[in-house]
Amino acid sequence: MKNIKPIFLLLTAAISMTVVCSLTGFAEEESSTAETFTSGDYEYILNDDGSATLTKYLGSDAEIVVPDQVDDYDVTVLGGGIFANKDYITSIALPETLTELKDSCFYCCSSLETFTVADGNSQFQVKDDVLFSADGTYLYCYPLAKKGDSYTIPDGVVEIWSSAFAKASLTDIQFPDGLLYIDDWTFSYTQLSELHLPDSVTEIGGYAFAYCNNLTEIDFPADLEIIDAAAFCSNENLTAIHLPDGLQTIQMAAFAGTGMKDVTIPASVTYIGFCAFGYEADMETTVPNFTVYGEVGSQAEIYCTDTDEENSYENHFNFASVLSSDDESSDGESPVKIETKKTTSTGKWFLIGAGVLVLLIGGLVLILSGRKKDASDAGKKPRKSHKTDKEAKAKLHAEEAEIEEEPAELDATKSDVAEDPTDPADNES
């Protein structure tokens, strides 16, 4: 992940992903700084150890056999997106010399059915046509043309690689206990309607489940700590979520463009990126009457009126307090939500002004009525009405009680958004 100017690159990534399958290839980071060579159907650069990284495929074969050498240099790395969008590829055979894959090497290979790995390769293996690390802890790629609409990820997998299932037609995926990380774009554009993640998952990468239009239900992991940028953006049919206690970070646009009208944010959350909730997919239009539930003084409350000058946004969401998990009602029942919309400073001064105006009018009426009575009862000494004083005092207290205390000033200063997911369309080796 990279430091970025967040709003610009996030919008660029979202737009580029909608047309990514029309692209012909990926730019390579090393090719901009290192000399590029051509050998047969490949462009490559030299690594510091004298081996080669293949950066671009120039051929048109349906059955790809990656060479173990180019110009007498061992091929050890496949650059980011090297075969991306090659919809004619049906199989890919990896050489014995290969030790590393960069992100999204096989993104949107819609006709890809299987992988094979040469004997003697110590880094990769193939199980049921799916590419894994040799020890089974990493799942690198699920071939998009593999038959079936469901898949069970094997036990032992701890990380699912970038774009591994992107655009797969699967409607059901079973995840193993012990899974820790789901990388960027991993399940984007899939047909999943329900998502049941194991409690062991601690991080969900950027755009990991973006553009999953059928997704309506999510069981978040109990151990989840981080939801990265745009992880669930543009899931139009997602209307409700339950975030786990212990969640710490929700990055920018994480749930932008969903069907959600409200959200409950646990007190454990210490950072919420701009446009994370309450925004349409354009990240400019707000959801009408969007409500955030949370504990008073928590990041949830801050988010409702938070601003971000760098990204030119200012929130105006409803806030409703909710009892902490440690609190119980007097009858021992579970805590319930208590709606307490914040009174703005403008509203406060309006109430004060109205109260003063009422007192002035009331005083004027009393004076005028008193003068009228004096005129009709000439020579009589006016008698002070204790009842009137008590009523006026009670009225004043009642009006003062209606004027809420001015909210404490909230420290809305946030650190810049430091990370953004890598868009496969801009992915580099």
Protein backbone atom coordinates (compact mmCIF):
# COMPACT_ATOMS: atom_id res chain seq x y z
CA MET A 1 0.00 0.00 0.00
CA LYS A 2 1.11 3.50 -0.77
CA ASN A 3 0.89 7.04 0.57
CA ILE A 4 -1.44 8.95 -1.69
CA LYS A 5 -3.59 11.97 -2.25
CA PRO A 6 -6.59 9.95 -1.14
CA ILE A 7 -9.68 11.29 -2.84
CA PHE A 8 -8.10 11.61 -6.27
CA LEU A 9 -6.62 8.14 -6.40
CA LEU A 10 -9.68 6.53 -4.82
CA LEU A 11 -11.91 7.99 -7.52
CA THR A 12 -9.41 7.03 -10.20
CA ALA A 13 -9.30 3.45 -8.91
CA ALA A 14 -13.07 3.14 -8.83
CA ILE A 15 -13.44 4.40 -12.38
CA SER A 16 -10.60 2.33 -13.77
CA MET A 17 -11.91 -0.90 -12.23
CA THR A 18 -15.18 -0.61 -14.14
CA VAL A 19 -13.30 -0.77 -17.41
CA VAL A 20 -10.30 -2.81 -16.35
CA CYS A 21 -11.11 -5.81 -18.54
CA SER A 22 -10.77 -3.63 -21.61
CA LEU A 23 -7.20 -2.80 -20.77
CA THR A 24 -4.41 -4.59 -22.60
CA GLY A 25 -1.82 -4.72 -19.85
CA PHE A 26 -0.30 -3.25 -16.71
CA ALA A 27 2.50 -0.75 -16.31
CA GLU A 28 5.48 -2.07 -14.37
CA GLU A 29 7.22 -0.09 -11.64
CA GLU A 30 10.67 -1.46 -12.33
CA SER A 31 10.40 -0.75 -16.07
CA SER A 32 10.22 2.97 -15.32
CA THR A 33 13.50 2.89 -13.44
CA ALA A 34 15.37 -0.09 -14.88
CA GLU A 35 16.36 -0.99 -18.42
CA THR A 36 13.81 -3.22 -20.14
CA PHE A 37 14.83 -6.07 -22.43
CA THR A 38 12.83 -8.25 -24.82
CA SER A 39 13.19 -11.98 -25.28
CA GLY A 40 10.66 -13.91 -27.33
CA ASP A 41 7.15 -13.20 -26.07
CA TYR A 42 8.31 -11.38 -22.94
CA GLU A 43 9.73 -8.11 -21.75
CA TYR A 44 11.87 -8.34 -18.64
CA ILE A 45 14.20 -6.46 -16.30
CA LEU A 46 17.18 -7.70 -14.34
CA ASN A 47 17.06 -8.09 -10.57
CA ASP A 48 19.92 -7.22 -8.24
CA ASP A 49 20.84 -10.89 -7.87
CA GLY A 50 21.21 -11.36 -11.63
CA SER A 51 17.87 -13.11 -12.15
CA ALA A 52 15.01 -11.79 -14.29
CA THR A 53 11.54 -10.40 -13.61
CA LEU A 54 9.10 -10.84 -16.48
CA THR A 55 7.18 -7.58 -16.80
CA LYS A 56 5.03 -7.97 -19.92
CA TYR A 57 3.62 -10.78 -22.05
CA LEU A 58 3.63 -10.00 -25.77
CA GLY A 59 2.26 -13.27 -27.12
CA SER A 60 -1.21 -14.69 -27.77
CA ASP A 61 -0.96 -18.34 -26.72
CA ALA A 62 -3.93 -19.93 -24.98
CA GLU A 63 -1.68 -22.35 -23.10
CA ILE A 64 1.08 -20.37 -21.42
CA VAL A 65 4.37 -22.04 -20.49
CA VAL A 66 6.42 -19.50 -18.56
CA PRO A 67 10.10 -19.96 -19.49
CA ASP A 68 12.65 -20.79 -16.82
CA GLN A 69 15.20 -18.52 -18.52
CA VAL A 70 15.32 -15.47 -20.78
CA ASP A 71 18.64 -14.67 -22.43
CA ASP A 72 20.38 -17.07 -20.00
CA TYR A 73 18.89 -15.32 -16.94
CA ASP A 74 16.80 -17.40 -14.55
CA VAL A 75 13.17 -16.25 -14.36
CA THR A 76 12.38 -15.83 -10.67
CA VAL A 77 9.59 -13.22 -10.58
CA LEU A 78 6.36 -12.56 -12.46
CA GLY A 79 5.62 -8.85 -12.48
CA GLY A 80 2.33 -7.34 -11.34
CA GLY A 81 -0.53 -7.90 -13.79
CA ILE A 82 1.67 -9.56 -16.40
CA PHE A 83 -1.18 -11.76 -17.70
CA ALA A 84 -4.06 -9.57 -16.55
CA ASN A 85 -7.02 -9.22 -18.91
CA LYS A 86 -5.71 -11.88 -21.32
CA ASP A 87 -9.11 -13.49 -21.76
CA TYR A 88 -7.78 -16.07 -24.25
CA ILE A 89 -5.48 -17.84 -21.77
CA THR A 90 -6.77 -21.26 -20.65
CA SER A 91 -3.79 -22.63 -18.67
CA ILE A 92 -0.55 -21.38 -17.16
CA ALA A 93 2.50 -23.53 -16.38
CA LEU A 94 5.02 -22.08 -13.94
CA PRO A 95 8.76 -22.94 -14.17
CA GLU A 96 10.99 -24.54 -11.56
CA THR A 97 12.97 -21.31 -11.13
CA LEU A 98 10.00 -19.12 -10.15
CA THR A 99 10.02 -17.88 -6.55
CA GLU A 100 7.76 -14.81 -6.44
CA LEU A 101 4.50 -13.42 -7.81
CA LYS A 102 3.63 -9.74 -7.76
CA ASP A 103 0.05 -8.54 -7.20
CA SER A 104 -2.74 -9.37 -9.64
CA CYS A 105 -0.60 -11.39 -12.03
CA PHE A 106 -3.64 -13.27 -13.35
CA TYR A 107 -6.39 -10.70 -12.85
CA CYS A 108 -9.41 -11.06 -15.13
CA CYS A 109 -8.12 -14.06 -17.09
CA SER A 110 -11.71 -15.08 -17.73
CA SER A 111 -10.89 -18.27 -19.67
CA LEU A 112 -8.24 -19.57 -17.27
CA GLU A 113 -9.05 -23.13 -16.16
CA THR A 114 -5.95 -24.43 -14.39
CA PHE A 115 -2.36 -24.00 -13.28
CA THR A 116 0.55 -26.41 -13.33
CA VAL A 117 3.91 -26.13 -11.55
CA ALA A 118 7.14 -27.73 -12.81
CA ASP A 119 8.73 -30.50 -10.77
CA GLY A 120 11.41 -29.13 -8.49
CA ASN A 121 9.69 -25.81 -7.80
CA SER A 122 9.83 -25.28 -4.03
CA GLN A 123 7.58 -22.22 -3.78
CA PHE A 124 4.26 -23.14 -5.40
CA GLN A 125 1.79 -25.99 -5.70
CA VAL A 126 -1.55 -26.62 -7.39
CA LYS A 127 -4.55 -28.16 -5.63
CA ASP A 128 -7.69 -28.84 -7.63
CA ASP A 129 -6.53 -26.38 -10.33
CA VAL A 130 -6.02 -23.58 -7.75
CA LEU A 131 -2.58 -22.02 -7.19
CA PHE A 132 -1.16 -22.03 -3.63
CA SER A 133 2.17 -21.54 -1.92
CA ALA A 134 4.12 -24.77 -1.42
CA ASP A 135 3.29 -24.86 2.28
CA GLY A 136 -0.40 -24.16 1.65
CA THR A 137 -0.55 -20.95 3.67
CA TYR A 138 -1.17 -18.61 0.72
CA LEU A 139 -3.91 -18.92 -1.89
CA TYR A 140 -2.68 -17.05 -4.96
CA CYS A 141 -5.33 -17.52 -7.63
CA TYR A 142 -8.61 -19.27 -8.29
CA PRO A 143 -8.99 -19.77 -12.09
CA LEU A 144 -12.11 -17.98 -13.27
CA ALA A 145 -13.16 -20.69 -15.75
CA LYS A 146 -13.05 -23.44 -13.15
CA LYS A 147 -16.41 -25.24 -13.07
CA GLY A 148 -18.77 -24.99 -10.10
CA ASP A 149 -20.50 -22.22 -8.19
CA SER A 150 -19.09 -22.98 -4.72
CA TYR A 151 -15.61 -23.47 -3.30
CA THR A 152 -14.16 -24.42 0.08
CA ILE A 153 -10.80 -22.84 0.85
CA PRO A 154 -8.58 -25.54 2.39
CA ASP A 155 -7.53 -25.53 6.02
CA GLY A 156 -4.11 -24.02 6.61
CA VAL A 157 -4.58 -20.96 4.38
CA VAL A 158 -3.76 -17.81 6.37
CA GLU A 159 -3.76 -15.23 3.56
CA ILE A 160 -5.69 -14.85 0.32
CA TRP A 161 -3.65 -13.03 -2.30
CA SER A 162 -4.57 -9.85 -4.15
CA SER A 163 -7.37 -10.36 -6.73
CA ALA A 164 -7.33 -14.12 -6.12
CA PHE A 165 -11.09 -14.49 -6.69
CA ALA A 166 -11.87 -11.18 -8.40
CA LYS A 167 -14.72 -11.52 -10.94
CA ALA A 168 -15.29 -15.20 -10.09
CA SER A 169 -18.85 -16.41 -10.70
CA LEU A 170 -18.91 -18.25 -7.36
CA THR A 171 -22.01 -17.76 -5.26
CA ASP A 172 -20.72 -19.53 -2.15
CA ILE A 173 -17.27 -19.63 -0.53
CA GLN A 174 -16.38 -21.42 2.68
CA PHE A 175 -13.47 -19.96 4.65
CA PRO A 176 -11.11 -21.93 6.92
CA ASP A 177 -10.60 -21.27 10.61
CA GLY A 178 -7.21 -19.68 11.06
CA LEU A 179 -7.47 -17.33 8.08
CA LEU A 180 -5.85 -14.00 9.00
CA TYR A 181 -5.67 -11.68 5.98
CA ILE A 182 -7.82 -10.97 2.96
CA ASP A 183 -5.80 -8.83 0.54
CA ASP A 184 -6.81 -6.00 -1.82
CA TRP A 185 -9.46 -6.65 -4.50
CA THR A 186 -9.58 -10.33 -3.48
CA PHE A 187 -13.32 -10.94 -3.92
CA SER A 188 -14.30 -7.81 -5.87
CA TYR A 189 -17.04 -8.19 -8.47
CA THR A 190 -18.01 -11.67 -7.24
CA GLN A 191 -21.57 -13.03 -7.01
CA LEU A 192 -21.56 -13.69 -3.26
CA SER A 193 -24.81 -12.94 -1.47
CA GLU A 194 -23.72 -13.94 2.03
CA LEU A 195 -20.34 -13.62 3.69
CA HIS A 196 -19.43 -15.67 6.76
CA LEU A 197 -15.86 -14.93 7.75
CA PRO A 198 -14.06 -16.86 10.49
CA ASP A 199 -13.34 -15.05 13.73
CA SER A 200 -9.60 -15.34 13.13
CA VAL A 201 -9.51 -12.72 10.32
CA THR A 202 -7.83 -9.51 11.53
CA GLU A 203 -7.67 -7.43 8.34
CA ILE A 204 -9.87 -7.00 5.28
CA GLY A 205 -7.95 -5.32 2.45
CA GLY A 206 -8.88 -2.40 0.24
CA TYR A 207 -11.69 -3.10 -2.25
CA ALA A 208 -11.66 -6.70 -1.00
CA PHE A 209 -15.44 -7.09 -1.43
CA ALA A 210 -16.16 -4.04 -3.57
CA TYR A 211 -18.79 -4.12 -6.32
CA CYS A 212 -20.43 -7.30 -5.02
CA ASN A 213 -23.94 -6.25 -5.98
CA ASN A 214 -25.59 -9.40 -4.62
CA LEU A 215 -24.07 -9.12 -1.16
CA THR A 216 -26.75 -8.59 1.50
CA GLU A 217 -25.41 -10.29 4.64
CA ILE A 218 -22.01 -10.17 6.38
CA ASP A 219 -20.81 -11.96 9.50
CA PHE A 220 -17.76 -9.98 10.54
CA PRO A 221 -14.92 -11.75 12.39
CA ALA A 222 -14.76 -11.30 16.14
CA ASP A 223 -11.01 -10.57 15.92
CA LEU A 224 -11.29 -8.04 13.09
CA GLU A 225 -9.11 -4.97 13.63
CA ILE A 226 -8.87 -3.22 10.26
CA ILE A 227 -11.26 -2.59 7.38
CA ASP A 228 -9.21 -0.98 4.63
CA ALA A 229 -10.25 1.65 2.10
CA ALA A 230 -13.36 0.94 0.01
CA ALA A 231 -13.43 -2.65 1.25
CA PHE A 232 -17.22 -2.89 0.79
CA CYS A 233 -17.89 0.07 -1.47
CA SER A 234 -20.64 0.04 -4.09
CA ASN A 235 -22.47 -2.96 -2.62
CA GLU A 236 -25.86 -1.45 -3.37
CA ASN A 237 -27.94 -4.17 -1.72
CA LEU A 238 -26.05 -4.18 1.56
CA THR A 239 -28.46 -2.43 3.94
CA ALA A 240 -27.29 -3.43 7.43
CA ILE A 241 -24.09 -4.55 9.15
CA HIS A 242 -23.00 -5.43 12.68
CA LEU A 243 -19.42 -4.34 13.34
CA PRO A 244 -17.56 -6.32 16.02
CA ASP A 245 -16.27 -4.93 19.29
CA GLY A 246 -12.50 -4.70 19.02
CA LEU A 247 -12.52 -3.18 15.53
CA GLN A 248 -10.02 -0.31 15.50
CA THR A 249 -9.71 1.19 12.02
CA ILE A 250 -12.22 1.88 9.26
CA GLN A 251 -10.53 3.45 6.26
CA MET A 252 -11.91 5.91 3.72
CA ALA A 253 -15.00 4.99 1.67
CA ALA A 254 -15.15 1.58 3.32
CA PHE A 255 -18.96 1.45 2.97
CA ALA A 256 -19.60 4.23 0.44
CA GLY A 257 -22.28 3.43 -2.10
CA THR A 258 -24.12 0.81 -0.04
CA GLY A 259 -27.83 0.73 0.81
CA MET A 260 -27.21 1.51 4.49
CA LYS A 261 -29.26 4.26 6.17
CA ASP A 262 -27.60 3.95 9.58
CA VAL A 263 -24.73 2.21 11.32
CA THR A 264 -23.68 1.34 14.87
CA ILE A 265 -19.98 1.89 15.45
CA PRO A 266 -18.32 0.23 18.48
CA ALA A 267 -16.39 2.36 20.95
CA SER A 268 -13.21 0.42 20.14
CA VAL A 269 -12.92 2.21 16.78
CA THR A 270 -10.25 4.92 16.98
CA TYR A 271 -10.10 5.99 13.34
CA ILE A 272 -12.75 6.49 10.64
CA GLY A 273 -11.62 7.69 7.21
CA PHE A 274 -13.48 10.25 5.16
CA CYS A 275 -16.65 9.09 3.39
CA ALA A 276 -16.50 5.76 5.25
CA PHE A 277 -20.26 5.85 5.94
CA GLY A 278 -23.23 7.87 4.77
CA TYR A 279 -22.03 8.62 1.23
CA GLU A 280 -23.09 7.45 -2.20
CA ALA A 281 -20.62 5.81 -4.56
CA ASP A 282 -19.46 9.19 -5.88
CA MET A 283 -18.16 9.98 -2.37
CA GLU A 284 -19.70 13.44 -2.61
CA THR A 285 -23.45 12.89 -2.26
CA THR A 286 -24.58 12.14 1.29
CA VAL A 287 -27.29 9.67 2.24
CA PRO A 288 -30.34 11.66 3.48
CA ASN A 289 -30.89 11.51 7.26
CA PHE A 290 -28.04 9.07 7.79
CA THR A 291 -27.73 8.18 11.48
CA VAL A 292 -24.68 6.97 13.38
CA TYR A 293 -25.18 5.11 16.66
CA GLY A 294 -22.38 5.00 19.20
CA GLU A 295 -21.19 5.98 22.63
CA VAL A 296 -21.05 9.66 23.58
CA GLY A 297 -17.54 11.02 23.06
CA SER A 298 -16.48 8.11 20.85
CA GLN A 299 -15.13 8.25 17.32
CA ALA A 300 -18.67 7.53 16.14
CA GLU A 301 -19.87 10.87 17.53
CA ILE A 302 -16.85 12.72 16.18
CA TYR A 303 -17.44 11.34 12.69
CA CYS A 304 -20.93 12.87 12.56
CA THR A 305 -19.50 16.40 12.43
CA ASP A 306 -15.98 15.65 11.30
CA THR A 307 -14.23 17.65 8.57
CA ASP A 308 -11.30 16.98 6.31
CA GLU A 309 -9.86 20.06 4.60
CA GLU A 310 -7.44 18.10 2.45
CA ASN A 311 -10.26 16.08 0.91
CA SER A 312 -12.85 18.88 1.10
CA TYR A 313 -15.58 17.20 3.06
CA GLU A 314 -17.67 18.07 6.10
CA ASN A 315 -20.11 15.67 7.74
CA HIS A 316 -23.57 16.57 9.01
CA PHE A 317 -24.98 13.25 10.18
CA ASN A 318 -27.42 12.48 12.97
CA PHE A 319 -25.87 11.01 16.09
CA ALA A 320 -27.69 8.75 18.53
CA SER A 321 -26.13 7.54 21.75
CA VAL A 322 -26.17 3.91 22.76
CA LEU A 323 -25.41 2.44 26.19
CA SER A 324 -21.98 0.89 26.58
CA SER A 325 -21.76 -2.87 26.72
CA ASP A 326 -20.93 -2.62 30.44
CA ASP A 327 -24.15 -0.79 31.26
CA GLU A 328 -27.45 -2.40 32.11
CA SER A 329 -30.86 -0.96 32.68
CA SER A 330 -32.27 -0.95 36.21
CA ASP A 331 -34.37 -4.04 35.54
CA GLY A 332 -31.33 -5.99 34.35
CA GLU A 333 -32.31 -6.04 30.69
CA SER A 334 -29.78 -5.66 27.91
CA PRO A 335 -28.73 -2.14 26.94
CA VAL A 336 -30.92 -0.40 24.38
CA LYS A 337 -30.34 2.42 21.95
CA ILE A 338 -31.30 5.85 23.25
CA GLU A 339 -31.70 8.41 20.51
CA THR A 340 -30.17 11.74 21.49
CA LYS A 341 -29.75 13.94 18.45
CA LYS A 342 -27.17 16.59 19.09
CA THR A 343 -28.27 20.18 19.52
CA THR A 344 -26.06 22.47 17.52
CA SER A 345 -24.78 25.74 18.88
CA THR A 346 -27.14 27.54 16.49
CA GLY A 347 -30.11 25.75 18.02
CA LYS A 348 -28.87 26.60 21.51
CA TRP A 349 -28.72 30.33 20.84
CA PHE A 350 -32.09 30.18 19.11
CA LEU A 351 -33.63 28.70 22.26
CA ILE A 352 -31.95 31.31 24.45
CA GLY A 353 -33.19 34.10 22.19
CA ALA A 354 -36.70 32.68 22.20
CA GLY A 355 -36.65 32.45 26.00
CA VAL A 356 -35.51 36.06 26.37
CA LEU A 357 -38.17 37.21 23.91
CA VAL A 358 -40.89 35.39 25.88
CA LEU A 359 -39.72 37.03 29.12
CA LEU A 360 -39.67 40.49 27.53
CA ILE A 361 -43.18 40.07 26.12
CA GLY A 362 -44.42 38.66 29.41
CA GLY A 363 -42.89 41.59 31.31
CA LEU A 364 -44.40 44.12 28.93
CA VAL A 365 -47.84 42.52 29.33
CA LEU A 366 -47.53 42.66 33.10
CA ILE A 367 -46.50 46.32 33.02
CA LEU A 368 -49.35 47.30 30.72
CA SER A 369 -51.92 45.34 32.73
CA GLY A 370 -50.57 46.88 35.93
CA ARG A 371 -50.96 50.39 34.56
CA LYS A 372 -54.51 49.63 33.46
CA LYS A 373 -55.36 48.38 36.93
CA ASP A 374 -53.82 51.49 38.53
CA ALA A 375 -56.04 53.65 36.39
CA SER A 376 -59.17 51.76 37.43
CA ASP A 377 -58.25 51.56 41.14
CA ALA A 378 -56.95 55.06 41.76
CA GLY A 379 -55.84 55.73 45.36
CA LYS A 380 -55.36 52.05 46.12
CA LYS A 381 -51.86 50.79 46.91
CA PRO A 382 -50.92 47.99 44.51
CA ARG A 383 -50.40 44.63 46.18
CA LYS A 384 -47.49 42.41 45.11
CA SER A 385 -48.67 39.10 43.76
CA HIS A 386 -46.47 36.30 45.13
CA LYS A 387 -48.32 33.85 42.91
CA THR A 388 -47.29 35.77 39.82
CA ASP A 389 -43.61 35.78 40.92
CA LYS A 390 -43.65 32.06 41.58
CA GLU A 391 -45.22 31.34 38.21
CA ALA A 392 -42.72 33.56 36.42
CA LYS A 393 -39.82 31.92 38.22
CA ALA A 394 -41.14 28.44 37.41
CA LYS A 395 -41.60 29.45 33.79
CA LEU A 396 -38.02 30.76 33.63
CA HIS A 397 -36.64 27.52 35.10
CA ALA A 398 -38.72 25.50 32.64
CA GLU A 399 -37.35 27.52 29.72
CA GLU A 400 -33.79 27.19 31.02
CA ALA A 401 -34.26 23.43 31.35
CA GLU A 402 -35.15 23.26 27.68
CA ILE A 403 -31.87 24.89 26.74
CA GLU A 404 -29.30 22.10 26.57
CA GLU A 405 -25.72 22.59 27.62
CA GLU A 406 -23.40 23.50 24.79
CA PRO A 407 -21.59 20.36 23.65
CA ALA A 408 -17.94 20.13 24.56
CA GLU A 409 -15.68 21.05 21.68
CA LEU A 410 -14.63 17.92 19.84
CA ASP A 411 -11.11 17.43 18.64
CA ALA A 412 -11.83 16.59 15.00
CA THR A 413 -8.22 16.74 13.91
CA LYS A 414 -7.21 13.56 12.13
CA SER A 415 -3.99 12.34 10.65
CA ASP A 416 -3.88 12.16 6.89
CA VAL A 417 -5.18 9.00 5.31
CA ALA A 418 -1.90 7.17 4.90
CA GLU A 419 -2.83 4.08 2.96
CA ASP A 420 -4.87 3.21 -0.07
CA PRO A 421 -5.39 -0.16 -1.75
CA THR A 422 -3.58 -0.94 -4.96
CA ASP A 423 -5.92 -0.84 -7.94
CA PRO A 424 -5.27 -3.82 -10.24
CA ALA A 425 -5.64 -1.48 -13.19
CA ASP A 426 -2.70 0.55 -11.88
CA ASN A 427 -0.85 -2.33 -10.25
CA GLU A 428 2.87 -2.44 -10.68
CA SER A 429 5.43 -5.09 -10.13
